[in-house]
Amino acid sequence: MTNKTKTYSEIPEEKVEEKIKPYDYSCEIILEKTVMDKARDPSFPSDAYNVTYVVDGKEYLDVTRAAKQSNIFDFYYDKYGKDSLKDIQWGYGNVHPGSYGYKKPTPPRKKRRK
């Protein structure tokens, strides 16, 4: 009994979409396509940036965090192309970056004596 394996020409071509992901550039998008009122929230980390960019004639605002502005620039340049990035400014967050997203652990239940 022989198994027939498919050759390369018999395998149908699948459409492979090349998606650019923020974690490839060491970035984290906190808010995407938002308004300035939501971007001014002080509960964001202090290393967050407000990024303004244009896609198809519409202007958008993202709140993005990264260690360096160059990582943010590279991400938006590669994702949306040349002349799409308008501005990168410091965000309004006040939370220490190390403690952003930290949830206090629940205390263990006290044992009862019998």
C-alpha atoms as a PDB file:
ATOM      1  CA  MET A   1       0.000   0.000   0.000  1.00  0.00           C
ATOM      2  CA  THR A   2       1.536   3.262  -1.087  1.00  0.00           C
ATOM      3  CA  ASN A   3       0.472   6.710  -0.098  1.00  0.00           C
ATOM      4  CA  LYS A   4       0.391   9.286  -2.810  1.00  0.00           C
ATOM      5  CA  THR A   5       1.784  12.585  -1.624  1.00  0.00           C
ATOM      6  CA  LYS A   6       0.892  15.834  -3.301  1.00  0.00           C
ATOM      7  CA  THR A   7       3.557  17.587  -5.249  1.00  0.00           C
ATOM      8  CA  TYR A   8       4.206  21.284  -4.946  1.00  0.00           C
ATOM      9  CA  SER A   9       2.225  22.093  -8.091  1.00  0.00           C
ATOM     10  CA  GLU A  10      -0.875  20.240  -6.809  1.00  0.00           C
ATOM     11  CA  ILE A  11      -1.114  22.227  -3.568  1.00  0.00           C
ATOM     12  CA  PRO A  12      -3.450  25.192  -4.021  1.00  0.00           C
ATOM     13  CA  GLU A  13      -1.954  28.582  -3.380  1.00  0.00           C
ATOM     14  CA  GLU A  14      -3.353  30.216  -0.278  1.00  0.00           C
ATOM     15  CA  LYS A  15      -3.630  33.915   0.025  1.00  0.00           C
ATOM     16  CA  VAL A  16      -1.098  34.940   2.613  1.00  0.00           C
ATOM     17  CA  GLU A  17      -1.717  38.353   4.099  1.00  0.00           C
ATOM     18  CA  GLU A  18       1.337  39.962   5.548  1.00  0.00           C
ATOM     19  CA  LYS A  19       0.140  41.707   8.673  1.00  0.00           C
ATOM     20  CA  ILE A  20       2.337  44.050  10.601  1.00  0.00           C
ATOM     21  CA  LYS A  21       1.968  43.450  14.303  1.00  0.00           C
ATOM     22  CA  PRO A  22       2.894  45.993  17.015  1.00  0.00           C
ATOM     23  CA  TYR A  23       4.772  43.483  19.160  1.00  0.00           C
ATOM     24  CA  ASP A  24       7.235  42.946  16.298  1.00  0.00           C
ATOM     25  CA  TYR A  25       8.278  46.568  16.884  1.00  0.00           C
ATOM     26  CA  SER A  26       8.133  46.405  20.721  1.00  0.00           C
ATOM     27  CA  CYS A  27       5.004  48.573  20.750  1.00  0.00           C
ATOM     28  CA  GLU A  28       1.660  48.240  22.494  1.00  0.00           C
ATOM     29  CA  ILE A  29      -1.423  50.034  21.215  1.00  0.00           C
ATOM     30  CA  ILE A  30      -3.534  51.028  24.221  1.00  0.00           C
ATOM     31  CA  LEU A  31      -6.285  52.909  22.360  1.00  0.00           C
ATOM     32  CA  GLU A  32      -6.766  52.738  18.616  1.00  0.00           C
ATOM     33  CA  LYS A  33      -8.609  55.333  16.511  1.00  0.00           C
ATOM     34  CA  THR A  34      -9.840  57.306  19.496  1.00  0.00           C
ATOM     35  CA  VAL A  35     -10.623  60.929  20.334  1.00  0.00           C
ATOM     36  CA  MET A  36      -8.511  63.356  22.345  1.00  0.00           C
ATOM     37  CA  ASP A  37     -10.872  63.326  25.356  1.00  0.00           C
ATOM     38  CA  LYS A  38     -10.231  59.612  25.903  1.00  0.00           C
ATOM     39  CA  ALA A  39      -6.502  59.995  25.183  1.00  0.00           C
ATOM     40  CA  ARG A  40      -6.093  62.535  28.027  1.00  0.00           C
ATOM     41  CA  ASP A  41      -6.862  59.939  30.692  1.00  0.00           C
ATOM     42  CA  PRO A  42      -4.194  60.104  33.452  1.00  0.00           C
ATOM     43  CA  SER A  43      -4.567  56.379  34.204  1.00  0.00           C
ATOM     44  CA  PHE A  44      -2.355  55.497  31.207  1.00  0.00           C
ATOM     45  CA  PRO A  45       1.365  54.814  31.711  1.00  0.00           C
ATOM     46  CA  SER A  46       3.773  57.718  31.563  1.00  0.00           C
ATOM     47  CA  ASP A  47       5.663  56.166  28.626  1.00  0.00           C
ATOM     48  CA  ALA A  48       2.600  56.324  26.342  1.00  0.00           C
ATOM     49  CA  TYR A  49       2.577  58.532  23.254  1.00  0.00           C
ATOM     50  CA  ASN A  50      -0.257  60.137  21.307  1.00  0.00           C
ATOM     51  CA  VAL A  51       0.238  59.280  17.642  1.00  0.00           C
ATOM     52  CA  THR A  52      -1.616  61.202  14.928  1.00  0.00           C
ATOM     53  CA  TYR A  53      -1.707  59.692  11.432  1.00  0.00           C
ATOM     54  CA  VAL A  54      -3.705  59.961   8.192  1.00  0.00           C
ATOM     55  CA  VAL A  55      -5.223  57.048   6.272  1.00  0.00           C
ATOM     56  CA  ASP A  56      -7.314  57.656   3.130  1.00  0.00           C
ATOM     57  CA  GLY A  57      -7.702  61.349   3.963  1.00  0.00           C
ATOM     58  CA  LYS A  58      -8.993  60.747   7.508  1.00  0.00           C
ATOM     59  CA  GLU A  59      -6.983  61.724  10.555  1.00  0.00           C
ATOM     60  CA  TYR A  60      -6.773  59.235  13.430  1.00  0.00           C
ATOM     61  CA  LEU A  61      -5.322  59.259  16.948  1.00  0.00           C
ATOM     62  CA  ASP A  62      -3.791  56.288  18.775  1.00  0.00           C
ATOM     63  CA  VAL A  63      -2.377  55.974  22.267  1.00  0.00           C
ATOM     64  CA  THR A  64       0.689  53.774  21.923  1.00  0.00           C
ATOM     65  CA  ARG A  65       3.447  52.842  24.329  1.00  0.00           C
ATOM     66  CA  ALA A  66       6.994  51.837  23.502  1.00  0.00           C
ATOM     67  CA  ALA A  67      10.458  52.213  24.931  1.00  0.00           C
ATOM     68  CA  LYS A  68      11.610  54.490  22.103  1.00  0.00           C
ATOM     69  CA  GLN A  69       9.859  56.852  19.703  1.00  0.00           C
ATOM     70  CA  SER A  70      11.792  55.316  16.831  1.00  0.00           C
ATOM     71  CA  ASN A  71       9.965  51.998  17.383  1.00  0.00           C
ATOM     72  CA  ILE A  72       6.629  53.798  17.080  1.00  0.00           C
ATOM     73  CA  PHE A  73       7.784  55.622  13.965  1.00  0.00           C
ATOM     74  CA  ASP A  74       8.973  52.386  12.338  1.00  0.00           C
ATOM     75  CA  PHE A  75       5.703  50.610  13.130  1.00  0.00           C
ATOM     76  CA  TYR A  76       3.414  53.301  11.696  1.00  0.00           C
ATOM     77  CA  TYR A  77       5.674  53.944   8.705  1.00  0.00           C
ATOM     78  CA  ASP A  78       5.680  50.264   7.768  1.00  0.00           C
ATOM     79  CA  LYS A  79       1.971  49.766   8.436  1.00  0.00           C
ATOM     80  CA  TYR A  80       0.475  52.854   6.764  1.00  0.00           C
ATOM     81  CA  GLY A  81       3.247  54.008   4.443  1.00  0.00           C
ATOM     82  CA  LYS A  82       5.133  57.183   3.703  1.00  0.00           C
ATOM     83  CA  ASP A  83       3.549  60.549   4.585  1.00  0.00           C
ATOM     84  CA  SER A  84       0.857  58.973   6.773  1.00  0.00           C
ATOM     85  CA  LEU A  85       2.434  59.729  10.160  1.00  0.00           C
ATOM     86  CA  LYS A  86       1.811  63.318  11.240  1.00  0.00           C
ATOM     87  CA  ASP A  87       2.790  63.663  14.881  1.00  0.00           C
ATOM     88  CA  ILE A  88       4.114  61.750  17.897  1.00  0.00           C
ATOM     89  CA  GLN A  89       3.628  63.533  21.233  1.00  0.00           C
ATOM     90  CA  TRP A  90       3.962  62.578  24.868  1.00  0.00           C
ATOM     91  CA  GLY A  91       0.755  61.246  26.384  1.00  0.00           C
ATOM     92  CA  TYR A  92      -1.016  62.471  29.483  1.00  0.00           C
ATOM     93  CA  GLY A  93      -0.535  59.341  31.617  1.00  0.00           C
ATOM     94  CA  ASN A  94       0.722  59.503  35.194  1.00  0.00           C
ATOM     95  CA  VAL A  95       1.066  55.811  36.108  1.00  0.00           C
ATOM     96  CA  HIS A  96       4.539  54.293  36.466  1.00  0.00           C
ATOM     97  CA  PRO A  97       5.153  52.021  33.445  1.00  0.00           C
ATOM     98  CA  GLY A  98       6.131  49.069  35.637  1.00  0.00           C
ATOM     99  CA  SER A  99       2.915  49.167  37.593  1.00  0.00           C
ATOM    100  CA  TYR A 100       0.565  49.810  34.654  1.00  0.00           C
ATOM    101  CA  GLY A 101      -1.888  46.946  34.314  1.00  0.00           C
ATOM    102  CA  TYR A 102      -0.885  45.448  37.659  1.00  0.00           C
ATOM    103  CA  LYS A 103      -3.721  43.887  39.595  1.00  0.00           C
ATOM    104  CA  LYS A 104      -3.425  43.417  43.319  1.00  0.00           C
ATOM    105  CA  PRO A 105      -3.543  39.722  44.184  1.00  0.00           C
ATOM    106  CA  THR A 106      -6.478  38.528  46.229  1.00  0.00           C
ATOM    107  CA  PRO A 107      -5.523  37.703  49.813  1.00  0.00           C
ATOM    108  CA  PRO A 108      -5.821  34.046  50.808  1.00  0.00           C
ATOM    109  CA  ARG A 109      -8.836  33.043  52.871  1.00  0.00           C
ATOM    110  CA  LYS A 110      -8.292  32.703  56.566  1.00  0.00           C
ATOM    111  CA  LYS A 111      -8.614  29.212  57.907  1.00  0.00           C
ATOM    112  CA  ARG A 112     -11.102  28.610  60.672  1.00  0.00           C
ATOM    113  CA  ARG A 113     -10.237  26.698  63.768  1.00  0.00           C
ATOM    114  CA  LYS A 114     -12.351  23.722  64.594  1.00  0.00           C
END
